[in-house]
Structures are given as structure tokens and as C-alpha cells.
Amino acid sequence: MTRTALITGAGGALGGAVAEAFADAGWRLALLAHRADTARDLSARHPDALVLTADLTDEAATRGVVDRVLERFGRVDALLGLAGGFAMGPAHEASSGDLDRLLALNVRTLFNSVRAVLPAMRDRGDGFILGVSAAAAEEGGSGMALYAASKAAVAAYLRALRAEVREQGVRVTTLFPMGALDTPANREAMPEADPSGWIDLKDLAATILHAAERDPRGHVGELKVYATPARSA
């Protein structure tokens, strides 16, 4: 039976790489994007995929798009919660609105997505859920108080969820990219940095695919991915 992957944040750099990896492995794709122009680009790259736009911070909207995925494919075998956001700034200058925004982008989008797909996974006794935390959730970082807090909340939520659903056959993995991702946006934002020490998106996508396809008897609970800097000549 062909498996179905629901990828949130599919319009981002990591989401695009993950979509390519899962498509190449024969998975059916349901791709969620926030903007219509991004959705059009995804449809062009993946003509067989179901591509939808939604505000995943809205519970009703999230349930609506997941219902459409279930109508099309009948099931969701893997939820890859890649939607999220990033912001930096001094803690003493942060507003409650800044906090609300990061919690909405990083926690609520995942929470709403999980709530929408989990009942069917539990009833079926099978499924895979992945969410993305960050090195900052464990290590902190100057200017990252709110971002670190939101990603720590993601890690705590998934850890508790894993304990709750593992006996129902649902596997839950927390991904920790332990460094910068090699994306066009990061290269533009940090033009003086050496990207050889950053995490390659194709490698990271292959790692996510491996976690999704592992035998349930030995699934990966928490996955930390580091870049291997290029060796000097």
C-alpha cells in the first residue's frame, strides 16, 4: 500500500527538500503552504500531490485541510510538522505580541495539526508524527529567549505525546537540527559565514525519511542532526 505524507511548511526550504525525498521514495504527498504563490510553485513541482493553503494557527482551518487530505487519500501515514518561524531580539525589548507570534508559529501550528490527524492514527494503530525543535531549546542563545522558549515547548509537547501514544502504535519523533540549515535565506542573511559548517537540506530530508520508514519496534524518539564541516585541504 502506498503511504501518504502530510507536510506542513512545505513551501519552505526544508519542506521542499523533504517533499522531494518522500516523492522519490514513492510516498503520496499532501503539501500545505501558507501562501497561494508558494502553493502554485509546489503544484508545478509535484503535479500528483494534493497542494493546499491554510493558516495552521487556526484550528478550524487546519481541520478543514486535513479533512480534504483524508477525502483524497483516505489516510495520513506520516505528519511532518515543518511549519514554524524564527525571530531574534533582546529579551527586554520583546513584547507579549512577539511571544504570542512565535508560540503560534512554532507550537500552535503543530498542536492543531496533531489534533487533526491523531484520532485516525490511534484508531488504526499506526502512524508517524515528526515535529521540529532546535538547538536553542537546549542550549539557549543570546537574543533567542522567545524562540528558544517556543522550541522548548515543542520538544516538551512531543515528548509527552510520545509517552501517551506509543502503545497505540503511533511513533513520535522530535527533530533537533543542531546548527544552521544551508538555505538561500540563511546564505543571504549571513553572507560572510562559511556554509560548509551548515546542515545540508538533502541530508536532513533523507534523515527524516529514514525515521519515518523505520520499523516501529526501533523508532527514533529524539533525533539530533549535526553538520560535518568540510575538511581543510
Foldseek 3Di string as FASTA:
>chain_A
DAAEEEEEPCLDPLNVLLVVVVVVVRHAYEYEDADPVSQVVVCVVPVRHHYYYFQLLDLVRLLVSVVVVCVVPVAHAEYEYPWFDDDFDAPVPDDVVNLVVRLSRQPSSLVSNCVNHVVVCLVVLHHEYEGEAELCLVVNDHRCVSNNVSSVVVLVVQVVVQVVCLVSHYHYEYEYEHFAEPDPVVCVVCVPDDCLQHHYSNVVSVVVVCQSPDDSVDHHHYHYDGHDHDDDD
